[in-house]
Every structure is written in structure tokens, then in C-alpha cells.
Amino acid sequence: ITMKELTFNEMESVSGGFNLVSAATGFASFVANSAAGFTSFALTSGLAFASFVGDSAIEFGKFLLGQANWESVVSTGQENWANFVSTAGNSWNTFVNNAATDWNSFLEQAAS
């Protein structure tokens, strides 16, 4: 008994409506977009954290030199931390929303 070698179109039919080409390209697109989105999140959050550290360190330096009081150091640190948390949170939400949209696109392409 010899088995028939299926053509690409026959394989798609056997797969139960799963479009192999669209699934592969859709998944590759999802991975690429997610990697780019996560990189953007990491860079945005990293820059915001660096800004928090830098601005807070400058204000602490002013305190050590007698150019600022402790309350100013604390309020600057709190404001910078709040800015970091807001920036990182917004960036993360954008990444997650885009990844979810890309995943849904992949699923739709795979099923068509």
C-alpha cells in the first residue's frame, strides 16, 4: 500500500479550515510586532526610570550642598516616581493592547 503525497491545497483542506500559510505569516507578524512592542515598553520605561533616578539624585545633591531642603528632595522624588509609574503603566498597557489585537489578527488569519 502506498500513500498519496498530498498537495499543499489538499493539506489545507485536511487541516479543518486552518490556513497554514496565513497561520505562519500571522504568527510571524505577531511575534515581530510583540518583540517591537516589548522593546518599546522596555526603552520607554527604562528612560523614565533613569529620569527618576537622575532628577532625584540632582535634588539630593542640592540638599547636600544646602541649596534645597529635605521636603524638596522628598516631593521631587515622589513626583518623579509618580511620573515613572504612569509612563511605565501606560507603555505596558499599550504593549498588552497591541499584542492582544495582533493575536486576534493571527487567529482570524489562521482560520480563514
PDB file of N, CA and C in Angstrom:
ATOM      1  N   ILE A   1       0.861  -1.178   0.000  1.00  0.00           N
ATOM      2  CA  ILE A   1       0.000   0.000   0.000  1.00  0.00           C
ATOM      3  C   ILE A   1       0.901   1.233   0.000  1.00  0.00           C
ATOM      4  N   THR A   2       0.660   2.080  -0.938  1.00  0.00           N
ATOM      5  CA  THR A   2       1.399   3.339  -0.972  1.00  0.00           C
ATOM      6  C   THR A   2       0.454   4.469  -0.597  1.00  0.00           C
ATOM      7  N   MET A   3       1.014   5.427   0.078  1.00  0.00           N
ATOM      8  CA  MET A   3       0.209   6.574   0.496  1.00  0.00           C
ATOM      9  C   MET A   3       0.389   7.692  -0.518  1.00  0.00           C
ATOM     10  N   LYS A   4      -0.680   8.392  -0.732  1.00  0.00           N
ATOM     11  CA  LYS A   4      -0.645   9.518  -1.661  1.00  0.00           C
ATOM     12  C   LYS A   4       0.037  10.703  -0.971  1.00  0.00           C
ATOM     13  N   GLU A   5       0.915  11.349  -1.676  1.00  0.00           N
ATOM     14  CA  GLU A   5       1.513  12.571  -1.164  1.00  0.00           C
ATOM     15  C   GLU A   5       0.539  13.709  -1.442  1.00  0.00           C
ATOM     16  N   LEU A   6       0.164  14.418  -0.373  1.00  0.00           N
ATOM     17  CA  LEU A   6      -0.830  15.475  -0.513  1.00  0.00           C
ATOM     18  C   LEU A   6      -0.196  16.750  -1.063  1.00  0.00           C
ATOM     19  N   THR A   7      -0.979  17.435  -1.865  1.00  0.00           N
ATOM     20  CA  THR A   7      -0.542  18.746  -2.329  1.00  0.00           C
ATOM     21  C   THR A   7      -0.778  19.746  -1.206  1.00  0.00           C
ATOM     22  N   PHE A   8      -0.249  20.939  -1.381  1.00  0.00           N
ATOM     23  CA  PHE A   8      -0.404  21.975  -0.365  1.00  0.00           C
ATOM     24  C   PHE A   8      -1.883  22.297  -0.161  1.00  0.00           C
ATOM     25  N   ASN A   9      -2.639  22.425  -1.248  1.00  0.00           N
ATOM     26  CA  ASN A   9      -4.075  22.717  -1.144  1.00  0.00           C
ATOM     27  C   ASN A   9      -4.824  21.585  -0.457  1.00  0.00           C
ATOM     28  N   GLU A  10      -4.444  20.356  -0.712  1.00  0.00           N
ATOM     29  CA  GLU A  10      -5.083  19.222  -0.051  1.00  0.00           C
ATOM     30  C   GLU A  10      -4.779  19.225   1.448  1.00  0.00           C
ATOM     31  N   MET A  11      -3.557  19.607   1.801  1.00  0.00           N
ATOM     32  CA  MET A  11      -3.209  19.684   3.226  1.00  0.00           C
ATOM     33  C   MET A  11      -4.056  20.736   3.933  1.00  0.00           C
ATOM     34  N   GLU A  12      -4.298  21.865   3.262  1.00  0.00           N
ATOM     35  CA  GLU A  12      -5.139  22.894   3.859  1.00  0.00           C
ATOM     36  C   GLU A  12      -6.554  22.378   4.073  1.00  0.00           C
ATOM     37  N   SER A  13      -7.062  21.610   3.111  1.00  0.00           N
ATOM     38  CA  SER A  13      -8.411  21.060   3.246  1.00  0.00           C
ATOM     39  C   SER A  13      -8.489  20.073   4.406  1.00  0.00           C
ATOM     40  N   VAL A  14      -7.471  19.266   4.576  1.00  0.00           N
ATOM     41  CA  VAL A  14      -7.450  18.264   5.635  1.00  0.00           C
ATOM     42  C   VAL A  14      -7.297  18.921   7.004  1.00  0.00           C
ATOM     43  N   SER A  15      -6.701  20.090   7.036  1.00  0.00           N
ATOM     44  CA  SER A  15      -6.409  20.733   8.313  1.00  0.00           C
ATOM     45  C   SER A  15      -7.652  21.270   9.010  1.00  0.00           C
ATOM     46  N   GLY A  16      -8.812  21.116   8.416  1.00  0.00           N
ATOM     47  CA  GLY A  16     -10.040  21.550   9.078  1.00  0.00           C
ATOM     48  C   GLY A  16     -10.255  23.042   9.014  1.00  0.00           C
ATOM     49  N   GLY A  17      -9.882  23.639   7.915  1.00  0.00           N
ATOM     50  CA  GLY A  17     -10.091  25.065   7.766  1.00  0.00           C
ATOM     51  C   GLY A  17      -8.966  25.913   8.307  1.00  0.00           C
ATOM     52  N   PHE A  18      -7.893  25.294   8.704  1.00  0.00           N
ATOM     53  CA  PHE A  18      -6.747  26.008   9.249  1.00  0.00           C
ATOM     54  C   PHE A  18      -5.841  26.365   8.095  1.00  0.00           C
ATOM     55  N   ASN A  19      -5.690  27.624   7.812  1.00  0.00           N
ATOM     56  CA  ASN A  19      -4.891  28.098   6.689  1.00  0.00           C
ATOM     57  C   ASN A  19      -3.424  28.134   7.114  1.00  0.00           C
ATOM     58  N   LEU A  20      -2.641  27.194   6.606  1.00  0.00           N
ATOM     59  CA  LEU A  20      -1.252  27.058   7.036  1.00  0.00           C
ATOM     60  C   LEU A  20      -0.401  28.280   6.701  1.00  0.00           C
ATOM     61  N   VAL A  21      -0.545  28.811   5.512  1.00  0.00           N
ATOM     62  CA  VAL A  21       0.262  29.958   5.101  1.00  0.00           C
ATOM     63  C   VAL A  21      -0.116  31.184   5.929  1.00  0.00           C
ATOM     64  N   SER A  22      -1.404  31.446   6.032  1.00  0.00           N
ATOM     65  CA  SER A  22      -1.849  32.601   6.813  1.00  0.00           C
ATOM     66  C   SER A  22      -1.481  32.442   8.283  1.00  0.00           C
ATOM     67  N   ALA A  23      -1.566  31.227   8.776  1.00  0.00           N
ATOM     68  CA  ALA A  23      -1.199  30.991  10.181  1.00  0.00           C
ATOM     69  C   ALA A  23       0.282  31.276  10.398  1.00  0.00           C
ATOM     70  N   ALA A  24       1.107  30.798   9.494  1.00  0.00           N
ATOM     71  CA  ALA A  24       2.554  31.001   9.635  1.00  0.00           C
ATOM     72  C   ALA A  24       2.916  32.473   9.528  1.00  0.00           C
ATOM     73  N   THR A  25       2.371  33.161   8.521  1.00  0.00           N
ATOM     74  CA  THR A  25       2.696  34.585   8.369  1.00  0.00           C
ATOM     75  C   THR A  25       2.068  35.407   9.491  1.00  0.00           C
ATOM     76  N   GLY A  26       0.872  35.037   9.912  1.00  0.00           N
ATOM     77  CA  GLY A  26       0.225  35.752  11.007  1.00  0.00           C
ATOM     78  C   GLY A  26       0.971  35.593  12.314  1.00  0.00           C
ATOM     79  N   PHE A  27       1.456  34.386  12.572  1.00  0.00           N
ATOM     80  CA  PHE A  27       2.203  34.156  13.816  1.00  0.00           C
ATOM     81  C   PHE A  27       3.546  34.882  13.773  1.00  0.00           C
ATOM     82  N   ALA A  28       4.194  34.858  12.622  1.00  0.00           N
ATOM     83  CA  ALA A  28       5.470  35.579  12.485  1.00  0.00           C
ATOM     84  C   ALA A  28       5.257  37.080  12.703  1.00  0.00           C
ATOM     85  N   SER A  29       4.161  37.596  12.170  1.00  0.00           N
ATOM     86  CA  SER A  29       3.832  39.008  12.358  1.00  0.00           C
ATOM     87  C   SER A  29       3.554  39.298  13.833  1.00  0.00           C
ATOM     88  N   PHE A  30       2.812  38.411  14.485  1.00  0.00           N
ATOM     89  CA  PHE A  30       2.522  38.576  15.914  1.00  0.00           C
ATOM     90  C   PHE A  30       3.814  38.621  16.729  1.00  0.00           C
ATOM     91  N   VAL A  31       4.719  37.692  16.456  1.00  0.00           N
ATOM     92  CA  VAL A  31       5.988  37.635  17.194  1.00  0.00           C
ATOM     93  C   VAL A  31       6.811  38.899  16.950  1.00  0.00           C
ATOM     94  N   ALA A  32       6.909  39.318  15.700  1.00  0.00           N
ATOM     95  CA  ALA A  32       7.693  40.518  15.369  1.00  0.00           C
ATOM     96  C   ALA A  32       7.091  41.765  16.013  1.00  0.00           C
ATOM     97  N   ASN A  33       5.770  41.913  15.904  1.00  0.00           N
ATOM     98  CA  ASN A  33       5.112  43.082  16.493  1.00  0.00           C
ATOM     99  C   ASN A  33       5.220  43.070  18.012  1.00  0.00           C
ATOM    100  N   SER A  34       5.093  41.900  18.617  1.00  0.00           N
ATOM    101  CA  SER A  34       5.213  41.802  20.073  1.00  0.00           C
ATOM    102  C   SER A  34       6.628  42.127  20.529  1.00  0.00           C
ATOM    103  N   ALA A  35       7.606  41.663  19.793  1.00  0.00           N
ATOM    104  CA  ALA A  35       9.005  41.971  20.136  1.00  0.00           C
ATOM    105  C   ALA A  35       9.257  43.469  20.033  1.00  0.00           C
ATOM    106  N   ALA A  36       8.761  44.081  18.976  1.00  0.00           N
ATOM    107  CA  ALA A  36       8.931  45.529  18.810  1.00  0.00           C
ATOM    108  C   ALA A  36       8.197  46.283  19.913  1.00  0.00           C
ATOM    109  N   GLY A  37       6.986  45.833  20.239  1.00  0.00           N
ATOM    110  CA  GLY A  37       6.209  46.476  21.297  1.00  0.00           C
ATOM    111  C   GLY A  37       6.861  46.344  22.656  1.00  0.00           C
ATOM    112  N   PHE A  38       7.394  45.165  22.949  1.00  0.00           N
ATOM    113  CA  PHE A  38       8.048  44.967  24.245  1.00  0.00           C
ATOM    114  C   PHE A  38       9.338  45.776  24.322  1.00  0.00           C
ATOM    115  N   THR A  39      10.053  45.860  23.205  1.00  0.00           N
ATOM    116  CA  THR A  39      11.269  46.677  23.176  1.00  0.00           C
ATOM    117  C   THR A  39      10.929  48.138  23.437  1.00  0.00           C
ATOM    118  N   SER A  40       9.858  48.607  22.829  1.00  0.00           N
ATOM    119  CA  SER A  40       9.415  49.982  23.059  1.00  0.00           C
ATOM    120  C   SER A  40       9.060  50.193  24.528  1.00  0.00           C
ATOM    121  N   PHE A  41       8.343  49.224  25.116  1.00  0.00           N
ATOM    122  CA  PHE A  41       7.997  49.313  26.545  1.00  0.00           C
ATOM    123  C   PHE A  41       9.261  49.378  27.395  1.00  0.00           C
ATOM    124  N   ALA A  42      10.210  48.514  27.119  1.00  0.00           N
ATOM    125  CA  ALA A  42      11.439  48.460  27.919  1.00  0.00           C
ATOM    126  C   ALA A  42      12.227  49.769  27.799  1.00  0.00           C
ATOM    127  N   LEU A  43      12.339  50.297  26.588  1.00  0.00           N
ATOM    128  CA  LEU A  43      13.075  51.546  26.389  1.00  0.00           C
ATOM    129  C   LEU A  43      12.360  52.728  27.049  1.00  0.00           C
ATOM    130  N   THR A  44      11.060  52.806  26.843  1.00  0.00           N
ATOM    131  CA  THR A  44      10.280  53.903  27.429  1.00  0.00           C
ATOM    132  C   THR A  44      10.344  53.863  28.948  1.00  0.00           C
ATOM    133  N   SER A  45      10.148  52.684  29.512  1.00  0.00           N
ATOM    134  CA  SER A  45      10.187  52.541  30.967  1.00  0.00           C
ATOM    135  C   SER A  45      11.593  52.774  31.506  1.00  0.00           C
ATOM    136  N   GLY A  46      12.577  52.284  30.798  1.00  0.00           N
ATOM    137  CA  GLY A  46      13.965  52.475  31.227  1.00  0.00           C
ATOM    138  C   GLY A  46      14.357  53.945  31.240  1.00  0.00           C
ATOM    139  N   LEU A  47      13.952  54.668  30.196  1.00  0.00           N
ATOM    140  CA  LEU A  47      14.250  56.100  30.153  1.00  0.00           C
ATOM    141  C   LEU A  47      13.521  56.846  31.263  1.00  0.00           C
ATOM    142  N   ALA A  48      12.273  56.463  31.527  1.00  0.00           N
ATOM    143  CA  ALA A  48      11.512  57.113  32.603  1.00  0.00           C
ATOM    144  C   ALA A  48      12.152  56.820  33.961  1.00  0.00           C
ATOM    145  N   PHE A  49      12.634  55.592  34.151  1.00  0.00           N
ATOM    146  CA  PHE A  49      13.285  55.244  35.418  1.00  0.00           C
ATOM    147  C   PHE A  49      14.605  56.001  35.554  1.00  0.00           C
ATOM    148  N   ALA A  50      15.348  56.096  34.468  1.00  0.00           N
ATOM    149  CA  ALA A  50      16.613  56.840  34.500  1.00  0.00           C
ATOM    150  C   ALA A  50      16.360  58.309  34.836  1.00  0.00           C
ATOM    151  N   SER A  51      15.289  58.847  34.318  1.00  0.00           N
ATOM    152  CA  SER A  51      14.926  60.230  34.618  1.00  0.00           C
ATOM    153  C   SER A  51      14.590  60.380  36.097  1.00  0.00           C
ATOM    154  N   PHE A  52      13.848  59.414  36.637  1.00  0.00           N
ATOM    155  CA  PHE A  52      13.519  59.421  38.070  1.00  0.00           C
ATOM    156  C   PHE A  52      14.799  59.421  38.905  1.00  0.00           C
ATOM    157  N   VAL A  53      15.715  58.538  38.579  1.00  0.00           N
ATOM    158  CA  VAL A  53      16.965  58.425  39.342  1.00  0.00           C
ATOM    159  C   VAL A  53      17.797  59.693  39.193  1.00  0.00           C
ATOM    160  N   GLY A  54      17.940  60.167  37.961  1.00  0.00           N
ATOM    161  CA  GLY A  54      18.756  61.351  37.716  1.00  0.00           C
ATOM    162  C   GLY A  54      18.212  62.594  38.396  1.00  0.00           C
ATOM    163  N   ASP A  55      16.922  62.866  38.202  1.00  0.00           N
ATOM    164  CA  ASP A  55      16.327  64.059  38.811  1.00  0.00           C
ATOM    165  C   ASP A  55      16.361  63.988  40.333  1.00  0.00           C
ATOM    166  N   SER A  56      16.099  62.805  40.862  1.00  0.00           N
ATOM    167  CA  SER A  56      16.131  62.642  42.319  1.00  0.00           C
ATOM    168  C   SER A  56      17.546  62.808  42.865  1.00  0.00           C
ATOM    169  N   ALA A  57      18.525  62.288  42.141  1.00  0.00           N
ATOM    170  CA  ALA A  57      19.924  62.431  42.570  1.00  0.00           C
ATOM    171  C   ALA A  57      20.366  63.891  42.536  1.00  0.00           C
ATOM    172  N   ILE A  58      19.946  64.613  41.505  1.00  0.00           N
ATOM    173  CA  ILE A  58      20.281  66.041  41.419  1.00  0.00           C
ATOM    174  C   ILE A  58      19.674  66.797  42.594  1.00  0.00           C
ATOM    175  N   GLU A  59      18.426  66.501  42.897  1.00  0.00           N
ATOM    176  CA  GLU A  59      17.769  67.188  44.021  1.00  0.00           C
ATOM    177  C   GLU A  59      18.442  66.827  45.342  1.00  0.00           C
ATOM    178  N   PHE A  60      18.855  65.569  45.494  1.00  0.00           N
ATOM    179  CA  PHE A  60      19.565  65.159  46.708  1.00  0.00           C
ATOM    180  C   PHE A  60      20.919  65.873  46.797  1.00  0.00           C
ATOM    181  N   GLY A  61      21.583  66.016  45.653  1.00  0.00           N
ATOM    182  CA  GLY A  61      22.844  66.761  45.619  1.00  0.00           C
ATOM    183  C   GLY A  61      22.648  68.199  46.054  1.00  0.00           C
ATOM    184  N   LYS A  62      21.565  68.818  45.589  1.00  0.00           N
ATOM    185  CA  LYS A  62      21.242  70.187  46.028  1.00  0.00           C
ATOM    186  C   LYS A  62      21.031  70.241  47.537  1.00  0.00           C
ATOM    187  N   PHE A  63      20.398  69.201  48.077  1.00  0.00           N
ATOM    188  CA  PHE A  63      20.187  69.137  49.523  1.00  0.00           C
ATOM    189  C   PHE A  63      21.529  69.066  50.252  1.00  0.00           C
ATOM    190  N   LEU A  64      22.423  68.227  49.758  1.00  0.00           N
ATOM    191  CA  LEU A  64      23.736  68.091  50.392  1.00  0.00           C
ATOM    192  C   LEU A  64      24.539  69.389  50.338  1.00  0.00           C
ATOM    193  N   LEU A  65      24.322  70.166  49.289  1.00  0.00           N
ATOM    194  CA  LEU A  65      25.031  71.443  49.142  1.00  0.00           C
ATOM    195  C   LEU A  65      24.308  72.596  49.836  1.00  0.00           C
ATOM    196  N   GLY A  66      23.175  72.311  50.456  1.00  0.00           N
ATOM    197  CA  GLY A  66      22.418  73.347  51.154  1.00  0.00           C
ATOM    198  C   GLY A  66      21.561  74.199  50.246  1.00  0.00           C
ATOM    199  N   GLN A  67      21.364  73.760  49.008  1.00  0.00           N
ATOM    200  CA  GLN A  67      20.563  74.527  48.051  1.00  0.00           C
ATOM    201  C   GLN A  67      19.095  74.110  48.040  1.00  0.00           C
ATOM    202  N   ALA A  68      18.758  73.039  48.762  1.00  0.00           N
ATOM    203  CA  ALA A  68      17.377  72.559  48.825  1.00  0.00           C
ATOM    204  C   ALA A  68      17.146  71.955  50.202  1.00  0.00           C
ATOM    205  N   ASN A  69      15.893  71.977  50.644  1.00  0.00           N
ATOM    206  CA  ASN A  69      15.575  71.353  51.930  1.00  0.00           C
ATOM    207  C   ASN A  69      15.099  69.919  51.707  1.00  0.00           C
ATOM    208  N   TRP A  70      14.981  69.176  52.791  1.00  0.00           N
ATOM    209  CA  TRP A  70      14.620  67.751  52.699  1.00  0.00           C
ATOM    210  C   TRP A  70      13.236  67.558  52.091  1.00  0.00           C
ATOM    211  N   GLU A  71      12.307  68.450  52.433  1.00  0.00           N
ATOM    212  CA  GLU A  71      10.951  68.337  51.876  1.00  0.00           C
ATOM    213  C   GLU A  71      10.977  68.431  50.352  1.00  0.00           C
ATOM    214  N   SER A  72      11.866  69.266  49.838  1.00  0.00           N
ATOM    215  CA  SER A  72      12.010  69.394  48.387  1.00  0.00           C
ATOM    216  C   SER A  72      12.542  68.095  47.774  1.00  0.00           C
ATOM    217  N   VAL A  73      13.480  67.454  48.458  1.00  0.00           N
ATOM    218  CA  VAL A  73      14.023  66.169  47.988  1.00  0.00           C
ATOM    219  C   VAL A  73      12.919  65.127  47.942  1.00  0.00           C
ATOM    220  N   VAL A  74      12.136  65.065  49.020  1.00  0.00           N
ATOM    221  CA  VAL A  74      11.057  64.071  49.099  1.00  0.00           C
ATOM    222  C   VAL A  74       9.981  64.344  48.046  1.00  0.00           C
ATOM    223  N   SER A  75       9.557  65.601  47.916  1.00  0.00           N
ATOM    224  CA  SER A  75       8.498  65.898  46.942  1.00  0.00           C
ATOM    225  C   SER A  75       8.978  65.678  45.510  1.00  0.00           C
ATOM    226  N   THR A  76      10.228  66.013  45.224  1.00  0.00           N
ATOM    227  CA  THR A  76      10.776  65.757  43.887  1.00  0.00           C
ATOM    228  C   THR A  76      10.824  64.259  43.607  1.00  0.00           C
ATOM    229  N   GLY A  77      11.265  63.475  44.600  1.00  0.00           N
ATOM    230  CA  GLY A  77      11.310  62.024  44.440  1.00  0.00           C
ATOM    231  C   GLY A  77       9.928  61.432  44.223  1.00  0.00           C
ATOM    232  N   GLN A  78       8.947  61.912  44.981  1.00  0.00           N
ATOM    233  CA  GLN A  78       7.582  61.405  44.819  1.00  0.00           C
ATOM    234  C   GLN A  78       7.020  61.748  43.448  1.00  0.00           C
ATOM    235  N   GLU A  79       7.249  62.976  43.014  1.00  0.00           N
ATOM    236  CA  GLU A  79       6.753  63.398  41.695  1.00  0.00           C
ATOM    237  C   GLU A  79       7.417  62.600  40.583  1.00  0.00           C
ATOM    238  N   ASN A  80       8.727  62.427  40.686  1.00  0.00           N
ATOM    239  CA  ASN A  80       9.447  61.658  39.663  1.00  0.00           C
ATOM    240  C   ASN A  80       9.020  60.194  39.658  1.00  0.00           C
ATOM    241  N   TRP A  81       8.781  59.622  40.843  1.00  0.00           N
ATOM    242  CA  TRP A  81       8.333  58.227  40.919  1.00  0.00           C
ATOM    243  C   TRP A  81       6.947  58.090  40.291  1.00  0.00           C
ATOM    244  N   ALA A  82       6.061  59.039  40.597  1.00  0.00           N
ATOM    245  CA  ALA A  82       4.711  59.000  40.017  1.00  0.00           C
ATOM    246  C   ALA A  82       4.776  59.100  38.494  1.00  0.00           C
ATOM    247  N   ASN A  83       5.660  59.954  37.987  1.00  0.00           N
ATOM    248  CA  ASN A  83       5.827  60.066  36.529  1.00  0.00           C
ATOM    249  C   ASN A  83       6.333  58.760  35.932  1.00  0.00           C
ATOM    250  N   PHE A  84       7.287  58.125  36.607  1.00  0.00           N
ATOM    251  CA  PHE A  84       7.803  56.842  36.112  1.00  0.00           C
ATOM    252  C   PHE A  84       6.701  55.791  36.083  1.00  0.00           C
ATOM    253  N   VAL A  85       5.968  55.674  37.183  1.00  0.00           N
ATOM    254  CA  VAL A  85       4.906  54.659  37.264  1.00  0.00           C
ATOM    255  C   VAL A  85       3.845  54.905  36.198  1.00  0.00           C
ATOM    256  N   SER A  86       3.482  56.159  35.997  1.00  0.00           N
ATOM    257  CA  SER A  86       2.489  56.493  34.973  1.00  0.00           C
ATOM    258  C   SER A  86       3.000  56.154  33.579  1.00  0.00           C
ATOM    259  N   THR A  87       4.225  56.550  33.279  1.00  0.00           N
ATOM    260  CA  THR A  87       4.808  56.285  31.961  1.00  0.00           C
ATOM    261  C   THR A  87       4.936  54.786  31.713  1.00  0.00           C
ATOM    262  N   ALA A  88       5.468  54.064  32.686  1.00  0.00           N
ATOM    263  CA  ALA A  88       5.643  52.615  32.526  1.00  0.00           C
ATOM    264  C   ALA A  88       4.287  51.920  32.412  1.00  0.00           C
ATOM    265  N   GLY A  89       3.324  52.339  33.211  1.00  0.00           N
ATOM    266  CA  GLY A  89       1.987  51.732  33.160  1.00  0.00           C
ATOM    267  C   GLY A  89       1.314  51.962  31.820  1.00  0.00           C
ATOM    268  N   ASN A  90       1.383  53.191  31.321  1.00  0.00           N
ATOM    269  CA  ASN A  90       0.783  53.488  30.014  1.00  0.00           C
ATOM    270  C   ASN A  90       1.475  52.716  28.898  1.00  0.00           C
ATOM    271  N   SER A  91       2.793  52.635  28.972  1.00  0.00           N
ATOM    272  CA  SER A  91       3.541  51.901  27.958  1.00  0.00           C
ATOM    273  C   SER A  91       3.199  50.410  27.995  1.00  0.00           C
ATOM    274  N   TRP A  92       3.074  49.854  29.200  1.00  0.00           N
ATOM    275  CA  TRP A  92       2.715  48.438  29.339  1.00  0.00           C
ATOM    276  C   TRP A  92       1.314  48.185  28.785  1.00  0.00           C
ATOM    277  N   ASN A  93       0.375  49.070  29.101  1.00  0.00           N
ATOM    278  CA  ASN A  93      -0.993  48.907  28.601  1.00  0.00           C
ATOM    279  C   ASN A  93      -1.033  48.954  27.080  1.00  0.00           C
ATOM    280  N   THR A  94      -0.266  49.847  26.492  1.00  0.00           N
ATOM    281  CA  THR A  94      -0.197  49.924  25.033  1.00  0.00           C
ATOM    282  C   THR A  94       0.358  48.623  24.457  1.00  0.00           C
ATOM    283  N   PHE A  95       1.420  48.117  25.069  1.00  0.00           N
ATOM    284  CA  PHE A  95       2.007  46.850  24.606  1.00  0.00           C
ATOM    285  C   PHE A  95       0.995  45.711  24.683  1.00  0.00           C
ATOM    286  N   VAL A  96       0.323  45.583  25.817  1.00  0.00           N
ATOM    287  CA  VAL A  96      -0.633  44.484  26.017  1.00  0.00           C
ATOM    288  C   VAL A  96      -1.804  44.600  25.039  1.00  0.00           C
ATOM    289  N   ASN A  97      -2.343  45.809  24.873  1.00  0.00           N
ATOM    290  CA  ASN A  97      -3.465  46.003  23.945  1.00  0.00           C
ATOM    291  C   ASN A  97      -3.067  45.680  22.513  1.00  0.00           C
ATOM    292  N   ASN A  98      -1.895  46.135  22.106  1.00  0.00           N
ATOM    293  CA  ASN A  98      -1.429  45.837  20.745  1.00  0.00           C
ATOM    294  C   ASN A  98      -1.175  44.346  20.555  1.00  0.00           C
ATOM    295  N   ALA A  99      -0.603  43.697  21.567  1.00  0.00           N
ATOM    296  CA  ALA A  99      -0.353  42.249  21.471  1.00  0.00           C
ATOM    297  C   ALA A  99      -1.672  41.482  21.358  1.00  0.00           C
ATOM    298  N   ALA A 100      -2.675  41.905  22.126  1.00  0.00           N
ATOM    299  CA  ALA A 100      -3.981  41.233  22.059  1.00  0.00           C
ATOM    300  C   ALA A 100      -4.602  41.414  20.673  1.00  0.00           C
ATOM    301  N   THR A 101      -4.502  42.611  20.122  1.00  0.00           N
ATOM    302  CA  THR A 101      -5.031  42.864  18.780  1.00  0.00           C
ATOM    303  C   THR A 101      -4.291  42.022  17.744  1.00  0.00           C
ATOM    304  N   ASP A 102      -2.961  41.974  17.865  1.00  0.00           N
ATOM    305  CA  ASP A 102      -2.166  41.166  16.931  1.00  0.00           C
ATOM    306  C   ASP A 102      -2.491  39.680  17.059  1.00  0.00           C
ATOM    307  N   TRP A 103      -2.723  39.210  18.275  1.00  0.00           N
ATOM    308  CA  TRP A 103      -3.067  37.800  18.493  1.00  0.00           C
ATOM    309  C   TRP A 103      -4.405  37.488  17.839  1.00  0.00           C
ATOM    310  N   ASN A 104      -5.385  38.386  18.001  1.00  0.00           N
ATOM    311  CA  ASN A 104      -6.689  38.173  17.370  1.00  0.00           C
ATOM    312  C   ASN A 104      -6.567  38.157  15.859  1.00  0.00           C
ATOM    313  N   SER A 105      -5.721  39.020  15.320  1.00  0.00           N
ATOM    314  CA  SER A 105      -5.494  39.022  13.861  1.00  0.00           C
ATOM    315  C   SER A 105      -4.895  37.697  13.411  1.00  0.00           C
ATOM    316  N   PHE A 106      -3.939  37.199  14.192  1.00  0.00           N
ATOM    317  CA  PHE A 106      -3.348  35.897  13.875  1.00  0.00           C
ATOM    318  C   PHE A 106      -4.414  34.801  13.855  1.00  0.00           C
ATOM    319  N   LEU A 107      -5.262  34.783  14.883  1.00  0.00           N
ATOM    320  CA  LEU A 107      -6.309  33.752  14.942  1.00  0.00           C
ATOM    321  C   LEU A 107      -7.276  33.846  13.757  1.00  0.00           C
ATOM    322  N   GLU A 108      -7.621  35.077  13.398  1.00  0.00           N
ATOM    323  CA  GLU A 108      -8.532  35.268  12.250  1.00  0.00           C
ATOM    324  C   GLU A 108      -7.863  34.817  10.964  1.00  0.00           C
ATOM    325  N   GLN A 109      -6.588  35.145  10.768  1.00  0.00           N
ATOM    326  CA  GLN A 109      -5.883  34.740   9.554  1.00  0.00           C
ATOM    327  C   GLN A 109      -5.733  33.223   9.497  1.00  0.00           C
ATOM    328  N   ALA A 110      -5.471  32.612  10.622  1.00  0.00           N
ATOM    329  CA  ALA A 110      -5.271  31.158  10.648  1.00  0.00           C
ATOM    330  C   ALA A 110      -6.563  30.416  10.310  1.00  0.00           C
ATOM    331  N   ALA A 111      -7.686  31.005  10.681  1.00  0.00           N
ATOM    332  CA  ALA A 111      -8.970  30.333  10.463  1.00  0.00           C
ATOM    333  C   ALA A 111      -9.535  30.599   9.077  1.00  0.00           C
ATOM    334  N   SER A 112      -8.974  31.567   8.374  1.00  0.00           N
ATOM    335  CA  SER A 112      -9.567  31.896   7.066  1.00  0.00           C
ATOM    336  C   SER A 112      -8.944  31.105   5.946  1.00  0.00           C
TER     337      SER A 112
END
